[in-house]
Amino acid sequence: MKTILSLGAGVQSSVVALLSKHGELPRIDHAIFSDTGWEPASVYKWLDYLEGELPFPVHRVSAGNLRHDELTKNQGHLPYFVKRETGERGITLRSCTHRYKIMPIEKEVSRLIGRAKGKRWPKTPLIDQWFGISLDEIQRMKISQRPAIVFKYPLIDTLRMTRGDCLAWMEAKGYPLPPRSACIGCPFHSDDEWRRLRDDTPDEWVDAIAFDAAFRAREMTKYPAYLHASLVPLDEVDLRTAEDHGQLSFLDECEGMCGV
């Protein structure tokens, strides 16, 4: 049995990789990172660093450039927010994860076990495929649909670690903290994440704004499509916090001394 890690290059999957390096988890044979072509620069920088730290190979695979494909091909894989004729908000089907993450990794797993193109998958287990899903994300666990591949979740099944535990482990070992792994223009960004993009990486913020407008101009969906749930162009979204609006925060009111 080979052990292969699906490496998203975020906190949890990075910790799984490093736990294996430190002997706190069994040895990993390969890690696979599927590149959408639209990852933040911080993710690529972190992945370069991580490759230098790990004693096993990291395979970078790709199904193409998600941003380019969305704007040039007759497709819409992202979960866009749409404004229906009634004014109600809807959301399009999400297929980007399957197309640009799951499928390229499965293709690389197939290559690593020597499965010839067009041949059926073996019926006996050959691969333990690890995922960096932590205890607080237990609802994301899935069962493999292929007998040759057994999905495993070491942060849950073996170590019972949350994302907070992962961050504490990284700090205790002296590692820098990984960035959040998500595409630049992911519609599932929270307002906090959009603000970070705007304030910390203005070039990527401009890129997301340009994409938002360009996809909508293509009229690829039945109704106008937006990256932000407010159904307005990204550069017009009100990203101010409650404090920005003049509301007192909890700490302003009680100075944080009540022990909670």
Protein backbone atom coordinates (compact mmCIF):
# COMPACT_ATOMS: atom_id res chain seq x y z
CA MET A 1 0.00 0.00 0.00
CA LYS A 2 1.24 3.45 -0.91
CA THR A 3 0.28 6.47 1.16
CA ILE A 4 -0.54 9.54 -0.91
CA LEU A 5 -1.45 12.92 0.58
CA SER A 6 -3.85 15.28 -1.19
CA LEU A 7 -1.92 18.47 -0.48
CA GLY A 8 -3.98 21.64 -0.64
CA ALA A 9 -1.07 23.65 0.85
CA GLY A 10 -3.31 25.13 3.53
CA VAL A 11 -2.92 24.71 7.28
CA GLN A 12 -4.26 21.20 7.81
CA SER A 13 -2.75 19.37 4.84
CA SER A 14 0.60 21.09 5.46
CA VAL A 15 0.54 19.93 9.08
CA VAL A 16 -0.23 16.35 8.00
CA ALA A 17 2.80 16.45 5.70
CA LEU A 18 5.06 17.82 8.44
CA LEU A 19 3.70 15.42 11.09
CA SER A 20 4.82 12.59 8.82
CA LYS A 21 8.25 14.19 8.45
CA HIS A 22 8.58 14.34 12.25
CA GLY A 23 7.49 10.73 12.69
CA GLU A 24 4.26 11.64 14.46
CA LEU A 25 2.34 10.02 11.60
CA PRO A 26 3.39 7.11 9.36
CA ARG A 27 5.55 7.74 6.32
CA ILE A 28 3.97 9.39 3.29
CA ASP A 29 5.17 8.15 -0.10
CA HIS A 30 3.89 11.00 -2.27
CA ALA A 31 2.01 14.27 -1.96
CA ILE A 32 -0.04 15.72 -4.82
CA PHE A 33 -0.89 19.40 -5.22
CA SER A 34 -3.44 20.28 -7.90
CA ASP A 35 -2.82 23.77 -9.24
CA THR A 36 -5.85 25.70 -10.52
CA GLY A 37 -3.54 28.32 -12.00
CA TRP A 38 -5.34 30.96 -9.95
CA GLU A 39 -3.87 30.41 -6.50
CA PRO A 40 -2.59 33.42 -4.55
CA ALA A 41 1.13 34.11 -4.82
CA SER A 42 1.43 33.31 -1.10
CA VAL A 43 0.30 29.73 -1.74
CA TYR A 44 2.94 29.15 -4.42
CA LYS A 45 5.59 30.66 -2.15
CA TRP A 46 4.50 28.43 0.73
CA LEU A 47 4.47 25.35 -1.50
CA ASP A 48 8.05 26.08 -2.60
CA TYR A 49 9.06 26.30 1.07
CA LEU A 50 7.18 23.14 2.00
CA GLU A 51 8.78 21.10 -0.78
CA GLY A 52 12.18 21.99 0.67
CA GLU A 53 11.10 20.72 4.10
CA LEU A 54 9.57 17.39 3.11
CA PRO A 55 11.44 14.09 2.69
CA PHE A 56 9.00 12.80 0.05
CA PRO A 57 8.15 14.11 -3.42
CA VAL A 58 5.42 16.66 -4.08
CA HIS A 59 3.80 16.23 -7.49
CA ARG A 60 2.27 19.37 -8.97
CA VAL A 61 -0.56 18.61 -11.40
CA SER A 62 -3.10 20.76 -13.21
CA ALA A 63 -6.23 20.55 -15.35
CA GLY A 64 -5.55 24.01 -16.76
CA ASN A 65 -5.91 27.62 -15.71
CA LEU A 66 -9.30 28.07 -14.07
CA ARG A 67 -9.42 31.84 -14.57
CA HIS A 68 -8.50 31.63 -18.24
CA ASP A 69 -10.90 28.76 -18.90
CA GLU A 70 -13.85 30.56 -17.29
CA LEU A 71 -13.33 33.56 -19.55
CA THR A 72 -12.55 31.78 -22.82
CA LYS A 73 -14.49 28.51 -22.80
CA ASN A 74 -18.18 27.75 -22.75
CA GLN A 75 -18.22 26.80 -19.09
CA GLY A 76 -18.93 28.13 -15.65
CA HIS A 77 -17.43 25.93 -12.96
CA LEU A 78 -17.40 28.46 -10.10
CA PRO A 79 -20.41 28.81 -7.77
CA TYR A 80 -21.51 32.27 -8.93
CA PHE A 81 -24.17 34.25 -7.11
CA VAL A 82 -26.94 35.19 -9.54
CA LYS A 83 -29.72 37.75 -9.38
CA ARG A 84 -32.98 36.30 -10.63
CA GLU A 85 -35.73 38.32 -12.32
CA THR A 86 -37.60 38.41 -9.01
CA GLY A 87 -34.59 40.01 -7.35
CA GLU A 88 -33.94 36.86 -5.33
CA ARG A 89 -30.43 35.52 -4.99
CA GLY A 90 -29.45 32.14 -6.36
CA ILE A 91 -26.18 30.29 -6.82
CA THR A 92 -24.89 28.26 -9.74
CA LEU A 93 -23.64 24.71 -9.43
CA ARG A 94 -20.10 24.33 -8.16
CA SER A 95 -17.90 22.01 -10.21
CA CYS A 96 -14.52 23.73 -9.91
CA THR A 97 -13.31 21.51 -7.06
CA HIS A 98 -14.10 18.33 -8.97
CA ARG A 99 -12.70 19.56 -12.30
CA TYR A 100 -9.56 21.35 -11.10
CA LYS A 101 -8.71 19.56 -7.84
CA ILE A 102 -10.19 16.06 -7.55
CA MET A 103 -9.83 14.88 -11.16
CA PRO A 104 -6.16 15.90 -11.64
CA ILE A 105 -5.20 14.27 -8.33
CA GLU A 106 -7.04 11.06 -9.23
CA LYS A 107 -5.28 11.04 -12.60
CA GLU A 108 -1.90 11.34 -10.86
CA VAL A 109 -2.81 8.59 -8.38
CA SER A 110 -3.65 6.40 -11.37
CA ARG A 111 -0.24 7.13 -12.87
CA LEU A 112 1.58 6.38 -9.63
CA ILE A 113 0.03 2.90 -9.34
CA GLY A 114 0.85 2.16 -12.97
CA ARG A 115 -2.73 1.97 -14.23
CA ALA A 116 -2.70 2.19 -18.01
CA LYS A 117 -5.01 4.66 -19.70
CA GLY A 118 -8.35 3.08 -20.49
CA LYS A 119 -7.83 0.17 -18.14
CA ARG A 120 -10.23 -0.49 -15.28
CA TRP A 121 -9.30 0.44 -11.75
CA PRO A 122 -8.12 -2.50 -9.63
CA LYS A 123 -10.68 -4.01 -7.28
CA THR A 124 -8.28 -4.42 -4.36
CA PRO A 125 -6.92 -1.61 -2.11
CA LEU A 126 -3.62 -0.21 -3.34
CA ILE A 127 -3.61 3.38 -2.05
CA ASP A 128 -4.23 5.04 1.29
CA GLN A 129 -5.19 8.56 0.23
CA TRP A 130 -4.82 11.02 3.11
CA PHE A 131 -6.69 14.30 3.44
CA GLY A 132 -5.89 17.25 5.71
CA ILE A 133 -9.35 17.58 7.22
CA SER A 134 -9.42 18.39 10.92
CA LEU A 135 -11.82 17.45 13.69
CA ASP A 136 -13.81 20.67 13.37
CA GLU A 137 -14.45 19.87 9.69
CA ILE A 138 -15.65 16.30 10.22
CA GLN A 139 -18.66 16.89 7.95
CA ARG A 140 -16.27 17.05 4.97
CA MET A 141 -15.23 13.41 5.33
CA LYS A 142 -16.16 11.15 2.42
CA ILE A 143 -15.79 7.48 1.50
CA SER A 144 -13.87 6.56 -1.65
CA GLN A 145 -15.94 5.27 -4.53
CA ARG A 146 -13.01 3.23 -5.87
CA PRO A 147 -11.99 -0.01 -4.10
CA ALA A 148 -8.35 0.62 -5.04
CA ILE A 149 -8.28 3.84 -3.00
CA VAL A 150 -9.00 4.08 0.74
CA PHE A 151 -9.67 7.58 2.03
CA LYS A 152 -8.09 8.32 5.42
CA TYR A 153 -8.23 11.34 7.68
CA PRO A 154 -5.30 11.16 10.13
CA LEU A 155 -6.06 14.46 11.90
CA ILE A 156 -9.46 13.03 12.83
CA ASP A 157 -8.98 9.26 13.05
CA THR A 158 -5.53 9.20 14.65
CA LEU A 159 -4.74 12.53 16.31
CA ARG A 160 -8.14 14.16 16.99
CA MET A 161 -6.71 17.56 16.03
CA THR A 162 -8.66 20.73 15.24
CA ARG A 163 -7.43 23.54 13.03
CA GLY A 164 -6.44 25.40 16.19
CA ASP A 165 -4.39 22.40 17.30
CA CYS A 166 -2.66 22.40 13.92
CA LEU A 167 -1.74 26.07 14.24
CA ALA A 168 -0.42 25.48 17.77
CA TRP A 169 1.67 22.52 16.54
CA MET A 170 3.18 24.63 13.75
CA GLU A 171 4.07 27.39 16.20
CA ALA A 172 5.57 24.93 18.70
CA LYS A 173 7.79 23.46 15.97
CA GLY A 174 8.92 26.89 14.81
CA TYR A 175 7.30 26.75 11.39
CA PRO A 176 5.81 29.82 9.70
CA LEU A 177 2.05 29.70 9.36
CA PRO A 178 0.69 28.69 5.95
CA PRO A 179 -1.61 30.99 4.01
CA ARG A 180 -5.23 30.08 3.36
CA SER A 181 -5.44 27.96 0.22
CA ALA A 182 -8.23 29.24 -2.04
CA CYS A 183 -8.45 30.68 -5.53
CA ILE A 184 -8.08 34.44 -5.84
CA GLY A 185 -11.65 34.88 -7.05
CA CYS A 186 -13.41 32.20 -5.00
CA PRO A 187 -17.05 33.23 -4.41
CA PHE A 188 -16.93 31.49 -1.03
CA HIS A 189 -14.53 34.08 0.38
CA SER A 190 -15.84 35.69 3.54
CA ASP A 191 -15.77 39.49 3.79
CA ASP A 192 -12.71 39.13 6.04
CA GLU A 193 -10.96 37.27 3.23
CA TRP A 194 -12.00 39.82 0.61
CA ARG A 195 -10.65 42.58 2.87
CA ARG A 196 -7.35 40.74 3.27
CA LEU A 197 -7.11 40.39 -0.50
CA ARG A 198 -7.85 44.10 -0.94
CA ASP A 199 -5.51 45.34 1.79
CA ASP A 200 -2.62 42.85 1.64
CA THR A 201 -2.41 41.90 -2.05
CA PRO A 202 -3.86 44.78 -4.09
CA ASP A 203 -2.74 43.27 -7.40
CA GLU A 204 -4.78 40.15 -6.70
CA TRP A 205 -7.72 42.29 -5.59
CA VAL A 206 -7.60 44.14 -8.93
CA ASP A 207 -7.41 40.77 -10.70
CA ALA A 208 -10.54 39.52 -8.90
CA ILE A 209 -12.42 42.74 -9.74
CA ALA A 210 -11.48 42.44 -13.41
CA PHE A 211 -12.54 38.80 -13.53
CA ASP A 212 -15.87 39.54 -11.82
CA ALA A 213 -16.74 42.14 -14.46
CA ALA A 214 -15.40 40.13 -17.40
CA PHE A 215 -17.33 36.95 -16.60
CA ARG A 216 -20.56 38.87 -16.14
CA ALA A 217 -20.00 40.61 -19.48
CA ARG A 218 -19.86 37.22 -21.21
CA GLU A 219 -23.44 36.49 -20.08
CA MET A 220 -22.57 32.86 -19.42
CA THR A 221 -25.41 32.37 -16.97
CA LYS A 222 -29.16 32.93 -17.34
CA TYR A 223 -29.04 35.74 -14.81
CA PRO A 224 -26.27 38.28 -14.00
CA ALA A 225 -23.49 36.53 -12.07
CA TYR A 226 -21.35 37.93 -9.27
CA LEU A 227 -18.45 36.77 -7.11
CA HIS A 228 -19.94 38.40 -4.01
CA ALA A 229 -23.18 37.33 -2.34
CA SER A 230 -24.40 40.96 -2.21
CA LEU A 231 -25.07 40.78 -5.97
CA VAL A 232 -23.09 43.91 -6.77
CA PRO A 233 -19.78 44.26 -8.63
CA LEU A 234 -16.87 43.36 -6.41
CA ASP A 235 -15.37 46.86 -6.44
CA GLU A 236 -18.70 48.26 -5.18
CA VAL A 237 -19.16 45.84 -2.27
CA ASP A 238 -19.31 47.45 1.17
CA LEU A 239 -16.57 45.58 3.03
CA ARG A 240 -16.56 47.82 6.07
CA THR A 241 -16.64 46.12 9.46
CA ALA A 242 -19.08 46.96 12.26
CA GLU A 243 -16.31 49.03 13.86
CA ASP A 244 -15.85 50.89 10.57
CA HIS A 245 -19.54 51.78 10.74
CA GLY A 246 -19.00 53.24 14.22
CA GLN A 247 -20.34 50.36 16.31
CA LEU A 248 -18.50 49.47 19.49
CA SER A 249 -16.83 46.10 19.63
CA PHE A 250 -17.17 43.75 22.60
CA LEU A 251 -13.69 44.69 23.78
CA ASP A 252 -14.52 48.39 23.55
CA GLU A 253 -17.38 47.87 25.96
CA CYS A 254 -15.85 45.63 28.62
CA GLU A 255 -12.08 45.73 27.95
CA GLY A 256 -12.08 41.94 27.71
CA MET A 257 -11.69 41.47 31.47
CA CYS A 258 -14.77 39.34 32.24
CA GLY A 259 -12.99 36.04 31.69
CA VAL A 260 -14.73 34.78 28.54
